[in-house]
Amino acid sequence: MSRYVVRFMKDVLGEYGRQSEVCQGTLEIDASCESEATERAKLKFCKDQALHHWSLHADRIHVKAADFPS
């Protein structure tokens, strides 16, 4: 299995009406592929935040393979 870092991102209006991107949560997930990591992260994010659907707190999901030095 590979390890992925999954971030739940949301656009919000900041000072003076400027749009900013805010990370609503970050999870490290072990999965066989990126799509599996995404699905596992959605389930964990919903459970941790007591949500019915992840999109209630985030607009999009960023998934990256975790970089570990050898």
N, C-alpha and C. Protein backbone atom coordinates (compact mmCIF):
# COMPACT_ATOMS: atom_id res chain seq x y z
N MET A 1 0.84 -1.19 0.00
CA MET A 1 0.00 0.00 0.00
C MET A 1 0.88 1.24 0.00
N SER A 2 0.33 2.27 -0.57
CA SER A 2 1.00 3.56 -0.59
C SER A 2 0.32 4.49 0.39
N ARG A 3 1.02 5.53 0.76
CA ARG A 3 0.46 6.53 1.67
C ARG A 3 0.19 7.80 0.87
N TYR A 4 -0.98 8.40 1.13
CA TYR A 4 -1.40 9.62 0.45
C TYR A 4 -1.75 10.69 1.48
N VAL A 5 -1.51 11.93 1.11
CA VAL A 5 -1.93 13.06 1.92
C VAL A 5 -3.14 13.67 1.21
N VAL A 6 -4.26 13.71 1.92
CA VAL A 6 -5.52 14.19 1.35
C VAL A 6 -5.92 15.46 2.07
N ARG A 7 -6.14 16.53 1.31
CA ARG A 7 -6.53 17.82 1.88
C ARG A 7 -7.92 18.21 1.38
N PHE A 8 -8.74 18.66 2.30
CA PHE A 8 -10.09 19.14 1.98
C PHE A 8 -10.03 20.66 1.96
N MET A 9 -10.27 21.25 0.79
CA MET A 9 -10.08 22.68 0.58
C MET A 9 -11.42 23.40 0.36
N LYS A 10 -11.47 24.66 0.81
CA LYS A 10 -12.67 25.47 0.66
C LYS A 10 -12.27 26.89 0.30
N ASP A 11 -13.02 27.51 -0.60
CA ASP A 11 -12.84 28.92 -0.93
C ASP A 11 -13.70 29.75 0.01
N VAL A 12 -13.10 30.75 0.63
CA VAL A 12 -13.83 31.65 1.53
C VAL A 12 -13.46 33.08 1.19
N LEU A 13 -14.34 34.01 1.57
CA LEU A 13 -14.04 35.42 1.39
C LEU A 13 -13.29 35.92 2.60
N GLY A 14 -12.14 36.53 2.34
CA GLY A 14 -11.34 37.06 3.42
C GLY A 14 -11.56 38.55 3.56
N GLU A 15 -10.55 39.20 4.11
CA GLU A 15 -10.62 40.65 4.29
C GLU A 15 -10.83 41.35 2.96
N TYR A 16 -11.60 42.41 2.99
CA TYR A 16 -11.85 43.25 1.82
C TYR A 16 -12.47 42.48 0.65
N GLY A 17 -13.14 41.37 0.96
CA GLY A 17 -13.85 40.61 -0.07
C GLY A 17 -12.96 39.78 -0.98
N ARG A 18 -11.73 39.59 -0.59
CA ARG A 18 -10.83 38.78 -1.41
C ARG A 18 -11.02 37.30 -1.12
N GLN A 19 -11.01 36.52 -2.17
CA GLN A 19 -11.20 35.07 -2.03
C GLN A 19 -9.90 34.43 -1.58
N SER A 20 -10.00 33.52 -0.63
CA SER A 20 -8.85 32.78 -0.12
C SER A 20 -9.18 31.29 -0.10
N GLU A 21 -8.16 30.49 -0.25
CA GLU A 21 -8.32 29.05 -0.17
C GLU A 21 -7.89 28.60 1.22
N VAL A 22 -8.77 27.86 1.91
CA VAL A 22 -8.52 27.43 3.28
C VAL A 22 -8.58 25.91 3.34
N CYS A 23 -7.62 25.31 4.04
CA CYS A 23 -7.63 23.87 4.24
C CYS A 23 -8.54 23.55 5.42
N GLN A 24 -9.58 22.76 5.19
CA GLN A 24 -10.54 22.39 6.23
C GLN A 24 -10.09 21.14 6.99
N GLY A 25 -9.14 20.41 6.44
CA GLY A 25 -8.65 19.22 7.11
C GLY A 25 -7.64 18.49 6.25
N THR A 26 -6.70 17.83 6.90
CA THR A 26 -5.67 17.04 6.22
C THR A 26 -5.62 15.66 6.85
N LEU A 27 -5.60 14.65 6.00
CA LEU A 27 -5.52 13.26 6.47
C LEU A 27 -4.41 12.53 5.73
N GLU A 28 -3.74 11.63 6.43
CA GLU A 28 -2.81 10.71 5.79
C GLU A 28 -3.52 9.37 5.70
N ILE A 29 -3.59 8.84 4.48
CA ILE A 29 -4.37 7.63 4.21
C ILE A 29 -3.49 6.60 3.52
N ASP A 30 -3.56 5.35 3.98
CA ASP A 30 -2.92 4.24 3.30
C ASP A 30 -3.94 3.62 2.35
N ALA A 31 -3.55 3.50 1.08
CA ALA A 31 -4.46 2.94 0.07
C ALA A 31 -3.65 2.41 -1.10
N SER A 32 -4.28 1.60 -1.92
CA SER A 32 -3.59 1.01 -3.07
C SER A 32 -3.50 1.97 -4.25
N CYS A 33 -4.39 2.97 -4.30
CA CYS A 33 -4.35 3.95 -5.39
C CYS A 33 -4.96 5.26 -4.93
N GLU A 34 -4.81 6.28 -5.75
CA GLU A 34 -5.29 7.62 -5.40
C GLU A 34 -6.81 7.66 -5.22
N SER A 35 -7.55 6.97 -6.07
CA SER A 35 -9.01 7.00 -5.95
C SER A 35 -9.48 6.31 -4.67
N GLU A 36 -8.81 5.24 -4.29
CA GLU A 36 -9.16 4.57 -3.03
C GLU A 36 -8.85 5.48 -1.84
N ALA A 37 -7.72 6.18 -1.91
CA ALA A 37 -7.35 7.12 -0.86
C ALA A 37 -8.39 8.21 -0.72
N THR A 38 -8.89 8.70 -1.85
CA THR A 38 -9.91 9.74 -1.84
C THR A 38 -11.17 9.25 -1.15
N GLU A 39 -11.63 8.07 -1.50
CA GLU A 39 -12.86 7.53 -0.91
C GLU A 39 -12.70 7.26 0.58
N ARG A 40 -11.56 6.71 0.98
CA ARG A 40 -11.32 6.46 2.40
C ARG A 40 -11.26 7.78 3.18
N ALA A 41 -10.63 8.77 2.58
CA ALA A 41 -10.52 10.07 3.24
C ALA A 41 -11.89 10.73 3.39
N LYS A 42 -12.73 10.63 2.39
CA LYS A 42 -14.09 11.19 2.48
C LYS A 42 -14.84 10.59 3.66
N LEU A 43 -14.76 9.27 3.79
CA LEU A 43 -15.46 8.59 4.88
C LEU A 43 -14.92 9.03 6.24
N LYS A 44 -13.61 9.10 6.37
CA LYS A 44 -13.00 9.49 7.65
C LYS A 44 -13.30 10.95 7.97
N PHE A 45 -13.22 11.82 6.98
CA PHE A 45 -13.51 13.24 7.18
C PHE A 45 -14.95 13.42 7.66
N CYS A 46 -15.88 12.73 7.04
CA CYS A 46 -17.29 12.82 7.45
C CYS A 46 -17.48 12.31 8.88
N LYS A 47 -16.84 11.21 9.21
CA LYS A 47 -16.96 10.65 10.56
C LYS A 47 -16.35 11.62 11.58
N ASP A 48 -15.15 12.12 11.30
CA ASP A 48 -14.46 13.02 12.23
C ASP A 48 -15.21 14.33 12.44
N GLN A 49 -15.85 14.84 11.37
CA GLN A 49 -16.53 16.13 11.43
C GLN A 49 -18.04 15.99 11.70
N ALA A 50 -18.51 14.76 11.84
CA ALA A 50 -19.94 14.47 12.05
C ALA A 50 -20.78 15.08 10.93
N LEU A 51 -20.39 14.76 9.69
CA LEU A 51 -21.08 15.28 8.50
C LEU A 51 -21.75 14.15 7.73
N HIS A 52 -22.78 14.51 6.98
CA HIS A 52 -23.41 13.54 6.09
C HIS A 52 -22.66 13.47 4.76
N HIS A 53 -22.03 14.58 4.36
CA HIS A 53 -21.29 14.62 3.10
C HIS A 53 -20.13 15.59 3.24
N TRP A 54 -18.98 15.21 2.73
CA TRP A 54 -17.76 16.02 2.87
C TRP A 54 -17.91 17.41 2.27
N SER A 55 -18.74 17.57 1.23
CA SER A 55 -18.85 18.85 0.54
C SER A 55 -19.57 19.92 1.38
N LEU A 56 -20.09 19.55 2.54
CA LEU A 56 -20.68 20.55 3.43
C LEU A 56 -19.60 21.45 4.04
N HIS A 57 -18.35 20.96 4.12
CA HIS A 57 -17.26 21.74 4.69
C HIS A 57 -16.13 22.03 3.71
N ALA A 58 -16.20 21.46 2.49
CA ALA A 58 -15.11 21.65 1.53
C ALA A 58 -15.66 21.73 0.11
N ASP A 59 -14.91 22.44 -0.74
CA ASP A 59 -15.29 22.57 -2.14
C ASP A 59 -14.62 21.53 -3.02
N ARG A 60 -13.42 21.11 -2.61
CA ARG A 60 -12.66 20.17 -3.43
C ARG A 60 -11.67 19.41 -2.55
N ILE A 61 -11.11 18.37 -3.15
CA ILE A 61 -10.16 17.51 -2.46
C ILE A 61 -8.87 17.46 -3.27
N HIS A 62 -7.74 17.66 -2.60
CA HIS A 62 -6.42 17.51 -3.22
C HIS A 62 -5.78 16.24 -2.66
N VAL A 63 -5.29 15.39 -3.54
CA VAL A 63 -4.64 14.16 -3.13
C VAL A 63 -3.24 14.12 -3.71
N LYS A 64 -2.25 13.85 -2.85
CA LYS A 64 -0.85 13.72 -3.30
C LYS A 64 -0.25 12.49 -2.64
N ALA A 65 0.62 11.82 -3.38
CA ALA A 65 1.38 10.74 -2.78
C ALA A 65 2.30 11.34 -1.73
N ALA A 66 2.38 10.70 -0.58
CA ALA A 66 3.26 11.20 0.49
C ALA A 66 4.70 11.02 0.07
N ASP A 67 5.51 12.03 0.28
CA ASP A 67 6.93 11.97 -0.07
C ASP A 67 7.72 11.65 1.19
N PHE A 68 8.31 10.48 1.20
CA PHE A 68 9.16 10.08 2.32
C PHE A 68 10.58 9.91 1.78
N PRO A 69 11.54 10.55 2.42
CA PRO A 69 12.93 10.38 1.96
C PRO A 69 13.40 8.94 2.18
N SER A 70 14.23 8.48 1.28
CA SER A 70 14.75 7.10 1.37
C SER A 70 15.90 7.02 2.35
